[in-house]
Protein backbone atom coordinates (compact mmCIF):
# COMPACT_ATOMS: atom_id res chain seq x y z
CA MET A 1 144.14 110.69 72.80
CA ALA A 2 142.06 108.43 75.01
CA SER A 3 138.83 109.85 76.40
CA GLN A 4 138.64 111.77 79.67
CA ALA A 5 136.52 108.94 81.05
CA GLU A 6 139.36 106.53 80.47
CA LYS A 7 141.77 108.77 82.33
CA ALA A 8 139.33 109.20 85.20
CA ALA A 9 138.83 105.44 85.31
CA ILE A 10 142.43 104.98 86.32
CA ALA A 11 142.15 106.65 89.70
CA GLU A 12 138.51 106.65 90.71
CA ASP A 13 135.57 104.28 90.52
CA ARG A 14 132.14 105.29 89.25
CA HIS A 15 131.04 106.47 92.72
CA GLY A 16 133.98 108.83 93.00
CA ALA A 17 135.86 106.79 95.59
CA LYS A 18 139.57 106.26 95.28
CA SER A 19 140.48 102.90 93.82
CA ARG A 20 141.64 100.28 96.30
CA LEU A 21 144.16 98.69 93.95
CA PRO A 22 147.45 97.07 94.83
CA SER A 23 150.48 99.29 94.53
CA SER A 24 151.59 97.27 91.49
CA TYR A 25 148.81 98.91 89.52
CA VAL A 26 150.78 102.03 88.74
CA VAL A 27 149.57 103.81 85.66
CA ASP A 28 151.77 105.56 83.17
CA LEU A 29 149.66 108.26 81.57
CA SER A 30 152.21 108.63 78.80
CA VAL A 31 150.97 105.42 77.23
CA GLU A 32 147.58 106.98 76.54
CA SER A 33 148.12 107.56 72.86
CA PHE A 34 146.73 106.20 69.62
CA ASP A 35 149.87 104.12 69.14
CA LYS A 36 149.14 101.60 71.89
CA ASP A 37 146.29 99.44 73.06
CA LEU A 38 144.11 101.36 75.52
CA ALA A 39 144.60 98.48 77.97
CA ALA A 40 148.11 99.80 78.60
CA ALA A 41 146.56 102.74 80.43
CA ILE A 42 145.38 100.66 83.40
CA VAL A 43 147.39 97.42 83.40
CA PRO A 44 151.18 96.86 83.33
CA GLU A 45 152.49 95.48 80.05
CA GLY A 46 155.23 93.29 81.47
CA HIS A 47 153.30 90.86 83.64
CA ALA A 48 149.76 89.71 84.42
CA GLN A 49 148.00 90.68 87.64
CA GLU A 50 146.18 88.06 89.67
CA PHE A 51 142.43 88.18 90.21
CA ASP A 52 139.99 85.68 91.66
CA SER A 53 137.41 83.77 89.62
CA TYR A 54 134.50 85.19 91.62
CA THR A 55 135.44 88.74 90.63
CA GLU A 56 135.86 87.71 87.01
CA ARG A 57 132.39 86.12 86.96
CA ARG A 58 130.89 89.26 88.48
CA VAL A 59 132.59 91.43 85.86
CA LEU A 60 131.45 89.15 83.05
CA ARG A 61 127.86 89.24 84.29
CA LYS A 62 127.93 93.04 84.33
CA ILE A 63 129.34 93.24 80.81
CA ASP A 64 126.67 90.83 79.58
CA LEU A 65 123.89 92.73 81.35
CA TYR A 66 124.80 96.11 79.91
CA LEU A 67 126.03 95.25 76.40
CA ILE A 68 124.13 92.21 75.11
CA PRO A 69 120.56 93.60 75.42
CA CYS A 70 121.72 96.77 73.67
CA MET A 71 123.30 94.83 70.80
CA TRP A 72 120.31 92.47 70.57
CA LEU A 73 117.94 95.40 70.15
CA GLY A 74 120.28 97.22 67.78
CA TYR A 75 120.78 94.37 65.36
CA GLY A 76 117.08 93.49 65.70
CA PHE A 77 116.19 96.95 64.42
CA VAL A 78 118.65 96.48 61.54
CA TYR A 79 117.01 93.22 60.55
CA TYR A 80 113.47 94.53 61.02
CA ASP A 81 114.27 97.59 58.94
CA LYS A 82 115.47 95.39 56.08
CA ALA A 83 112.65 92.86 56.34
CA ILE A 84 109.88 95.49 56.39
CA LEU A 85 110.15 95.73 52.61
CA GLY A 86 108.97 92.13 52.23
CA SER A 87 105.73 92.90 54.10
CA ALA A 88 105.31 96.42 52.75
CA VAL A 89 105.03 95.13 49.18
CA LEU A 90 102.03 93.07 50.30
CA PHE A 91 100.43 96.21 51.78
CA GLY A 92 100.35 98.24 48.57
CA MET A 93 103.89 99.59 48.24
CA THR A 94 104.43 97.73 44.97
CA LYS A 95 101.46 99.48 43.37
CA ASP A 96 101.96 102.87 45.05
CA LEU A 97 105.60 103.16 43.98
CA SER A 98 105.32 101.24 40.67
CA LEU A 99 107.75 98.55 41.81
CA SER A 100 106.25 95.99 39.43
CA VAL A 101 105.88 96.37 35.67
CA ILE A 102 103.46 94.43 33.48
CA ASP A 103 105.10 93.18 30.28
CA THR A 104 102.37 93.14 27.61
CA SER A 105 104.74 91.85 24.94
CA THR A 106 104.36 88.32 26.28
CA HIS A 107 101.34 86.06 25.98
CA PRO A 108 99.86 86.03 28.50
CA PRO A 109 101.23 89.29 29.97
CA THR A 110 103.77 88.80 32.77
CA THR A 111 104.64 90.91 35.81
CA ALA A 112 108.30 91.78 36.31
CA THR A 113 109.53 92.71 39.80
CA THR A 114 113.01 93.79 38.76
CA ARG A 115 112.54 97.17 40.45
CA LEU A 116 111.65 95.45 43.71
CA SER A 117 114.77 93.29 43.43
CA TRP A 118 116.89 96.40 42.98
CA ALA A 119 115.13 98.20 45.83
CA THR A 120 116.33 95.31 48.01
CA SER A 121 119.84 95.18 46.56
CA ILE A 122 120.54 98.92 46.47
CA PHE A 123 120.29 99.04 50.27
CA TYR A 124 123.47 96.95 50.38
CA PHE A 125 125.24 99.13 47.84
CA GLY A 126 124.67 101.90 50.36
CA MET A 127 126.14 99.70 53.08
CA LEU A 128 129.19 99.05 50.93
CA ALA A 129 129.65 102.76 50.31
CA GLY A 130 129.43 103.52 54.02
CA LEU A 131 131.53 100.63 55.23
CA TYR A 132 135.06 102.02 55.11
CA PRO A 133 134.21 105.57 56.26
CA MET A 134 132.28 104.04 59.17
CA THR A 135 135.13 101.66 60.01
CA PHE A 136 137.57 104.59 60.15
CA ILE A 137 135.21 106.72 62.26
CA LEU A 138 134.54 103.86 64.69
CA GLN A 139 138.22 103.22 65.32
CA ARG A 140 139.26 106.87 65.41
CA PHE A 141 136.51 108.38 67.61
CA HIS A 142 134.50 107.55 70.72
CA LEU A 143 132.39 104.47 70.04
CA GLY A 144 129.21 105.50 71.89
CA ARG A 145 129.04 108.99 70.41
CA VAL A 146 129.52 107.70 66.87
CA LEU A 147 126.81 105.08 67.33
CA GLY A 148 124.39 107.54 68.94
CA VAL A 149 124.60 110.15 66.16
CA LEU A 150 124.46 107.67 63.28
CA VAL A 151 121.63 105.57 64.70
CA ILE A 152 119.48 108.68 65.15
CA PHE A 153 120.18 109.63 61.52
CA TRP A 154 119.24 106.08 60.52
CA GLY A 155 115.88 106.40 62.32
CA MET A 156 115.15 109.72 60.64
CA ILE A 157 115.90 108.30 57.18
CA ALA A 158 113.69 105.27 57.91
CA MET A 159 110.78 107.55 58.82
CA LEU A 160 111.28 109.50 55.58
CA THR A 161 110.39 106.34 53.65
CA ALA A 162 106.76 107.26 54.29
CA ALA A 163 107.30 110.42 52.19
CA VAL A 164 108.65 108.56 49.15
CA ALA A 165 106.33 108.85 46.13
CA SER A 166 108.11 106.88 43.39
CA TRP A 167 110.41 103.92 42.86
CA ARG A 168 113.26 106.31 42.05
CA GLY A 169 112.81 108.03 45.40
CA LEU A 170 112.74 104.65 47.13
CA PHE A 171 116.04 103.71 45.48
CA ALA A 172 117.69 106.91 46.81
CA GLN A 173 116.20 106.44 50.28
CA ARG A 174 117.32 102.80 50.47
CA PHE A 175 120.87 103.73 49.47
CA PHE A 176 121.27 106.32 52.23
CA LEU A 177 119.55 104.04 54.73
CA GLY A 178 122.13 101.35 54.01
CA PHE A 179 124.93 103.91 54.24
CA VAL A 180 124.20 104.85 57.86
CA GLU A 181 123.16 101.34 58.97
CA SER A 182 126.56 99.99 57.94
CA VAL A 183 127.93 101.19 61.28
CA ILE A 184 126.00 98.63 63.36
CA PRO A 185 127.35 95.17 62.39
CA THR A 186 130.97 96.37 62.24
CA ALA A 187 130.68 98.08 65.62
CA PHE A 188 129.11 95.04 67.27
CA MET A 189 131.74 92.64 65.95
CA CYS A 190 134.48 94.90 67.33
CA ILE A 191 132.69 95.28 70.69
CA VAL A 192 132.50 91.50 71.15
CA SER A 193 136.17 91.00 70.24
CA GLY A 194 137.20 93.84 72.61
CA TYR A 195 135.26 92.74 75.71
CA TYR A 196 135.27 88.93 75.58
CA THR A 197 137.85 86.14 75.49
CA GLN A 198 138.04 83.81 72.49
CA SER A 199 136.14 81.06 74.31
CA GLU A 200 133.35 83.51 75.23
CA GLN A 201 132.94 85.20 71.88
CA ALA A 202 130.94 82.50 70.09
CA LEU A 203 128.20 82.47 72.73
CA ARG A 204 128.00 86.27 72.95
CA GLN A 205 128.07 86.57 69.18
CA SER A 206 125.12 84.19 69.05
CA TRP A 207 123.23 86.19 71.66
CA TRP A 208 123.14 89.43 69.70
CA PHE A 209 122.91 87.80 66.28
CA SER A 210 119.93 85.69 67.45
CA SER A 211 117.88 88.86 67.04
CA THR A 212 117.83 87.90 63.34
CA GLY A 213 115.38 85.15 64.25
CA GLY A 214 113.79 86.95 67.18
CA TRP A 215 112.93 90.00 65.12
CA THR A 216 111.64 87.87 62.26
CA ILE A 217 108.97 86.85 64.76
CA ILE A 218 108.54 90.21 66.52
CA GLY A 219 108.57 92.11 63.23
CA GLY A 220 106.09 89.68 61.71
CA ALA A 221 103.75 90.16 64.68
CA LEU A 222 104.03 93.96 64.40
CA ASN A 223 103.39 93.87 60.67
CA TYR A 224 100.42 91.57 61.21
CA GLY A 225 99.04 94.21 63.58
CA PHE A 226 99.57 96.98 61.03
CA ALA A 227 97.71 94.83 58.50
CA GLN A 228 94.55 95.36 60.55
CA ILE A 229 94.58 99.12 59.88
CA THR A 230 91.68 100.03 57.60
CA GLY A 231 91.46 103.80 58.05
CA GLY A 232 93.74 106.81 58.23
CA SER A 233 95.22 109.08 55.61
CA LEU A 234 98.33 106.95 55.07
CA ALA A 235 98.89 103.53 53.54
CA ARG A 236 99.64 100.66 55.92
CA TRP A 237 103.24 100.37 54.73
CA GLN A 238 103.81 104.05 55.57
CA TYR A 239 102.72 103.51 59.17
CA ILE A 240 105.17 100.60 59.46
CA TYR A 241 108.14 102.77 58.43
CA LEU A 242 107.13 105.63 60.72
CA PHE A 243 106.93 103.23 63.65
CA ALA A 244 110.25 101.52 62.86
CA GLY A 245 112.03 104.86 62.48
CA ALA A 246 110.66 106.16 65.78
CA LEU A 247 111.87 103.03 67.61
CA THR A 248 115.30 103.44 66.06
CA ILE A 249 115.62 107.08 67.17
CA ILE A 250 114.81 106.07 70.75
CA PHE A 251 117.47 103.36 70.56
CA GLY A 252 119.97 105.85 69.13
CA SER A 253 119.58 108.11 72.15
CA LEU A 254 120.57 105.15 74.36
CA CYS A 255 123.67 104.41 72.28
CA PHE A 256 125.46 107.49 73.67
CA ALA A 257 125.90 105.48 76.89
CA VAL A 258 127.98 102.79 75.18
CA PRO A 259 131.55 103.01 76.62
CA ASN A 260 134.56 103.39 74.36
CA SER A 261 136.24 100.25 75.76
CA PRO A 262 136.45 98.18 78.97
CA VAL A 263 138.97 100.78 80.16
CA SER A 264 136.19 103.39 80.44
CA ALA A 265 133.17 101.15 81.10
CA TRP A 266 131.06 103.33 83.41
CA PHE A 267 129.12 100.34 84.76
CA LEU A 268 132.29 98.82 86.24
CA SER A 269 134.27 100.01 89.26
CA ALA A 270 137.95 100.84 88.84
CA GLU A 271 139.02 97.40 90.09
CA GLU A 272 136.48 95.71 87.85
CA ARG A 273 137.76 97.57 84.79
CA ILE A 274 141.24 96.22 85.46
CA VAL A 275 139.89 92.68 85.78
CA ALA A 276 137.86 93.20 82.56
CA VAL A 277 141.11 94.05 80.75
CA GLU A 278 143.45 91.58 82.48
CA ARG A 279 141.25 88.58 81.69
CA LEU A 280 141.76 89.27 77.97
CA ARG A 281 145.54 88.96 78.28
CA LYS A 282 145.63 85.18 77.84
CA GLY A 283 143.89 85.27 74.45
CA GLN A 284 146.42 87.81 73.11
CA THR A 285 143.70 89.61 71.11
CA GLY A 286 144.07 93.03 72.78
CA VAL A 287 141.33 95.50 73.70
CA ARG A 288 141.30 98.63 71.52
CA CYS A 289 143.84 100.84 69.78
CA GLN A 290 142.66 104.01 68.07
CA LYS A 291 145.47 104.35 65.56
CA LEU A 292 145.05 102.91 62.07
CA LYS A 293 148.19 100.95 61.20
CA GLY A 294 149.14 100.44 57.57
CA SER A 295 151.12 97.27 58.30
CA GLN A 296 148.03 95.62 59.79
CA ILE A 297 145.89 96.66 56.81
CA ARG A 298 148.42 95.05 54.44
CA GLU A 299 148.55 91.90 56.54
CA ALA A 300 144.75 91.65 56.55
CA ALA A 301 144.62 92.07 52.77
CA LEU A 302 147.07 89.17 52.31
CA ASP A 303 145.68 86.85 55.01
CA VAL A 304 144.18 83.76 53.37
CA LYS A 305 141.91 82.96 56.30
CA ILE A 306 140.20 86.36 56.06
CA TRP A 307 139.54 85.73 52.38
CA LEU A 308 138.12 82.29 53.17
CA VAL A 309 135.83 83.72 55.87
CA ALA A 310 134.69 86.52 53.54
CA LEU A 311 133.88 84.11 50.71
CA MET A 312 131.95 81.91 53.13
CA MET A 313 129.93 84.90 54.31
CA ALA A 314 129.12 86.04 50.76
CA ALA A 315 127.91 82.57 49.79
CA ALA A 316 125.95 82.00 53.01
CA TYR A 317 124.14 85.33 53.06
CA THR A 318 122.57 85.01 49.61
CA VAL A 319 119.68 83.32 51.45
CA ASN A 320 119.02 86.40 53.56
CA GLY A 321 118.99 88.65 50.51
CA ALA A 322 116.12 86.62 49.10
CA VAL A 323 114.24 85.91 52.35
CA SER A 324 114.36 89.39 53.93
CA GLY A 325 113.14 91.16 50.81
CA PHE A 326 110.89 88.52 49.26
CA GLY A 327 110.03 86.07 52.07
CA PRO A 328 106.30 86.83 52.48
CA LEU A 329 105.94 87.24 48.71
CA ILE A 330 107.53 83.83 48.09
CA VAL A 331 105.29 82.15 50.67
CA SER A 332 102.21 83.78 49.13
CA THR A 333 102.99 81.95 45.88
CA PHE A 334 102.44 78.67 47.76
CA GLY A 335 98.73 79.55 47.88
CA TRP A 336 98.60 81.42 51.21
CA SER A 337 96.90 84.76 51.87
CA THR A 338 98.78 87.98 52.64
CA LEU A 339 98.24 87.66 56.39
CA ASP A 340 99.05 83.94 56.40
CA SER A 341 102.28 84.64 54.51
CA ILE A 342 103.36 87.04 57.26
CA LEU A 343 102.50 84.55 60.01
CA LEU A 344 104.44 81.80 58.25
CA GLN A 345 107.62 83.82 58.79
CA PHE A 346 107.35 82.84 62.48
CA PRO A 347 108.57 79.21 62.11
CA LEU A 348 111.59 80.31 60.05
CA GLY A 349 112.38 82.97 62.66
CA GLY A 350 112.00 80.39 65.44
CA VAL A 351 114.44 77.96 63.80
CA CYS A 352 116.91 80.80 63.22
CA PHE A 353 116.63 82.09 66.79
CA ILE A 354 116.85 78.74 68.59
CA PHE A 355 119.72 77.25 66.62
CA ILE A 356 121.84 80.40 66.67
CA LEU A 357 121.71 80.14 70.46
CA VAL A 358 122.25 76.35 70.47
CA THR A 359 125.35 76.53 68.25
CA GLY A 360 126.68 79.45 70.28
CA TYR A 361 126.27 77.48 73.51
CA LEU A 362 127.91 74.35 72.08
CA SER A 363 130.80 76.41 70.72
CA SER A 364 131.42 77.86 74.19
CA ARG A 365 131.35 74.43 75.84
CA ILE A 366 133.17 72.19 73.34
CA PRO A 367 136.58 73.36 72.07
CA ASN A 368 137.19 73.65 68.32
CA ILE A 369 133.71 72.60 67.21
CA ARG A 370 132.64 75.79 65.39
CA LEU A 371 133.54 74.76 61.84
CA ILE A 372 132.02 71.31 62.34
CA LEU A 373 128.75 72.87 63.52
CA LEU A 374 128.85 75.27 60.59
CA ILE A 375 129.06 72.41 58.09
CA LEU A 376 126.23 70.52 59.80
CA CYS A 377 123.97 73.60 59.73
CA CYS A 378 124.51 73.99 55.98
CA LEU A 379 122.79 70.67 55.29
CA PRO A 380 119.22 71.68 56.34
CA VAL A 381 119.50 74.83 54.20
CA ILE A 382 120.38 72.73 51.16
CA ALA A 383 117.55 70.31 51.96
CA GLY A 384 115.06 73.15 52.42
CA CYS A 385 115.92 74.70 49.05
CA ALA A 386 115.52 71.32 47.34
CA MET A 387 112.15 70.73 49.05
CA ILE A 388 110.77 74.07 47.87
CA TRP A 389 112.10 73.69 44.35
CA ARG A 390 111.05 70.12 43.64
CA SER A 391 107.77 69.89 45.60
CA THR A 392 104.28 70.45 44.22
CA TRP A 393 102.97 73.98 44.84
CA THR A 394 99.33 73.18 45.33
CA HIS A 395 96.98 75.52 47.20
CA ARG A 396 98.34 75.87 50.74
CA ALA A 397 100.98 73.23 50.09
CA ALA A 398 102.78 72.02 53.24
CA THR A 399 106.07 70.73 51.79
CA PRO A 400 107.39 74.06 50.42
CA VAL A 401 106.44 75.76 53.72
CA ALA A 402 108.38 73.09 55.65
CA GLY A 403 111.35 73.62 53.34
CA TYR A 404 111.09 77.37 53.78
CA THR A 405 111.11 76.90 57.56
CA ILE A 406 114.32 74.87 57.75
CA ILE A 407 116.08 77.42 55.56
CA GLY A 408 116.23 79.28 58.89
CA PHE A 409 119.39 77.30 59.60
CA PHE A 410 121.20 79.97 57.56
CA GLY A 411 121.14 82.01 60.80
CA PRO A 412 123.52 79.76 62.78
CA VAL A 413 125.71 79.33 59.70
CA VAL A 414 126.24 83.10 59.43
CA SER A 415 126.61 83.52 63.20
CA LEU A 416 129.36 80.91 63.27
CA ILE A 417 131.16 82.50 60.31
CA ILE A 418 131.24 85.86 62.15
CA SER A 419 132.42 84.17 65.34
CA ILE A 420 135.20 82.25 63.58
CA GLY A 421 136.35 85.29 61.63
CA MET A 422 136.57 87.68 64.59
CA ALA A 423 138.02 85.19 67.10
CA ASN A 424 140.93 84.36 64.82
CA VAL A 425 142.51 87.78 64.35
CA ALA A 426 144.40 90.12 66.67
CA GLY A 427 145.54 93.72 66.36
CA ALA A 428 142.98 96.54 66.51
CA THR A 429 143.34 97.68 62.90
CA LYS A 430 143.35 94.11 61.62
CA LYS A 431 140.22 93.32 63.63
CA SER A 432 138.51 96.34 62.08
CA CYS A 433 139.63 95.25 58.61
CA THR A 434 138.35 91.72 59.24
CA ALA A 435 134.99 93.05 60.41
CA ALA A 436 134.88 95.23 57.30
CA ALA A 437 135.76 92.31 55.01
CA ILE A 438 133.05 90.14 56.58
CA PHE A 439 130.61 92.98 56.15
CA VAL A 440 131.55 93.56 52.49
CA ALA A 441 130.86 89.88 51.89
CA TYR A 442 127.59 90.20 53.81
CA CYS A 443 126.53 92.99 51.44
CA VAL A 444 127.61 91.06 48.34
CA GLY A 445 125.51 88.06 49.38
CA ASN A 446 122.52 90.28 50.04
CA ILE A 447 122.92 91.97 46.65
CA ILE A 448 123.12 88.67 44.78
CA GLY A 449 120.18 86.98 46.54
CA PRO A 450 117.32 89.16 45.23
CA GLN A 451 118.73 89.03 41.70
CA LEU A 452 118.23 85.26 41.65
CA ILE A 453 114.46 85.72 41.83
CA LYS A 454 113.03 85.82 38.31
CA THR A 455 109.26 86.26 38.27
CA GLN A 456 109.16 84.85 34.75
CA SER A 457 110.19 81.47 36.17
CA LEU A 458 107.47 81.37 38.85
CA LYS A 459 105.68 78.45 37.21
CA ARG A 460 108.95 76.48 37.35
CA HIS A 461 109.32 77.35 41.07
CA TYR A 462 112.14 79.91 40.73
CA PRO A 463 114.79 77.34 39.72
CA GLU A 464 117.55 79.98 39.47
CA LEU A 465 117.00 80.93 43.11
CA TRP A 466 116.95 77.49 44.72
CA LEU A 467 119.70 75.99 42.56
CA GLY A 468 121.83 79.08 43.15
CA LEU A 469 121.40 78.82 46.92
CA ILE A 470 122.21 75.09 46.90
CA ILE A 471 125.44 75.81 45.00
CA CYS A 472 126.33 78.64 47.41
CA TYR A 473 125.96 76.39 50.46
CA CYS A 474 128.01 73.64 48.86
CA ILE A 475 130.72 76.27 48.39
CA VAL A 476 130.45 77.20 52.09
CA ILE A 477 131.01 73.56 53.08
CA VAL A 478 134.11 73.22 50.88
CA LEU A 479 135.59 76.50 52.17
CA ALA A 480 134.92 75.44 55.78
CA PHE A 481 136.99 72.28 55.25
CA VAL A 482 139.82 74.35 53.73
CA LEU A 483 139.75 76.85 56.61
CA TYR A 484 139.77 74.05 59.18
CA SER A 485 142.89 72.60 57.55
CA VAL A 486 144.65 75.99 57.41
CA LEU A 487 143.99 76.87 61.06
CA ARG A 488 144.79 73.39 62.38
CA SER A 489 148.08 73.31 60.48
CA GLU A 490 149.12 76.73 61.82
CA ASN A 491 148.26 75.77 65.41
CA LYS A 492 150.42 72.64 65.11
CA ARG A 493 153.31 74.73 63.78
CA ARG A 494 153.05 77.14 66.70
CA GLU A 495 152.87 74.37 69.26
CA SER A 496 156.22 73.10 68.00
CA LEU A 497 157.94 76.44 68.69
CA ARG A 498 160.12 76.88 71.75
CA LEU A 499 158.77 80.01 73.39
CA ASN A 500 159.63 81.84 76.56
CA GLU A 501 156.42 81.89 78.60
CA GLU A 502 157.58 85.02 80.41
CA ASP A 503 157.06 86.96 77.17
CA ARG A 504 153.40 85.90 76.84
CA ASP A 505 152.07 88.51 79.28
CA ARG A 506 154.38 91.22 77.96
CA LEU A 507 153.13 90.87 74.37
CA ALA A 508 149.40 90.63 75.16
CA PHE A 509 148.66 94.38 74.92
CA LYS A 510 151.26 95.45 72.38
CA ASP A 511 148.58 95.61 69.65
CA LEU A 512 150.27 92.78 67.75
CA THR A 513 148.42 90.85 65.07
CA ASP A 514 147.79 87.13 65.29
CA LYS A 515 150.65 86.53 62.83
CA GLU A 516 153.08 88.72 64.76
CA ASN A 517 152.27 87.15 68.11
CA PRO A 518 153.57 83.53 68.37
CA TYR A 519 151.47 82.95 71.52
CA PHE A 520 148.20 83.44 69.64
CA ARG A 521 146.16 80.28 68.98
CA TYR A 522 143.41 79.88 66.40
CA VAL A 523 139.98 78.45 67.22
CA LEU A 524 138.44 75.92 64.84
């Protein structure tokens, strides 16, 4: 059943005053079941209700104010938590936990970092293991309560990293850390698709995902500060994990305030909640339905566009797998000191942050430009990989650092893939399945990336890594062209249909999928 807050939202606003709604807003409490979209609890299914643009803008501003900062911080902590490992290995973790092994059978002896690669990758195996249980829990139970409990557990596990004494213990800790963190990206993708129209989603998606770049800079600055620690009974990397875990627990306590849907958004009045739901009617994407539907799962599994989006995500995110776990270590091989290597993460983070926001803004202003922008953003990543691979790695070489910086364009590529994937599906269960598929691909890319780094090929500039990333981004470009063709063709077919416009409003909150609803239109 829907939450008590959602039932209370029907009759009273957040101050306890009776709602001043038109008489047409009669609510049928019998619709409050898992079978239907929660929107049916506060808006009539048969026809749309009128509202003025000023009220809609006010509602949108409130939603932005309360949700976006929360998501920006949340995903920032996710990224910081993953990227800490790259700095921690420069602060003694590699030696303390025996993450590197010296191979004396070679002449001269070589250092293998296979354990470090697996410490990075195993985090994403944990995410994969947690993905489907978390997806079910998110759809079945109250969103804010689920997030609050799991984020606090995540913070506690992060703090326990400081107690790890061996590489085996680190592997176990990283697995469980990934398991609980898997709730965040899936939840945020569903929140955006449940509160915003298709035209608004790209910009809002870019706002919270820009924390990837923002926290590359913030995290780098924090780690640079921890590098100044010279005393104390703990190693510097242990202090970093204790601090990150504490921040996460504080954030988790705030997550309990996240509403289950626009229907129960405590920061909106009763009238504003209705406007928040009604304005989603035109896009035909629905709000939230808490029943898992087998038919929508089957449709998602057979939907070619979901497969294309997932493959694009897997190929695009191989960069992050390498950069988040090995970024400072890679830069240090260009002849820079430990502290310099941390500071040189700032330009990459800046490129990532700025262009995620730029592409999000352009996508919200220019119709059907998302896939074109995605293809254009792939080109600097390819160029950056080539620059690093083929340049001369002299002491403090500038060219590989410049190439490393423009690799930051992977951020807008991934942001656009998420935006395209989530804006082009309807039906609550199908949206959850799409978010899960994107996230599986995200994990696969992050698992593959670290495995491309072979320390034995350092003198040849890690050719497996840079060539592998170039191939992956060429694949992304090809798949983007295919997806563009598929979506454009389907939109043309739908435009040729003779439809009764009176049915458009009636079908909006029936929890239909994009394939079931002929009024749905795909964004390119």
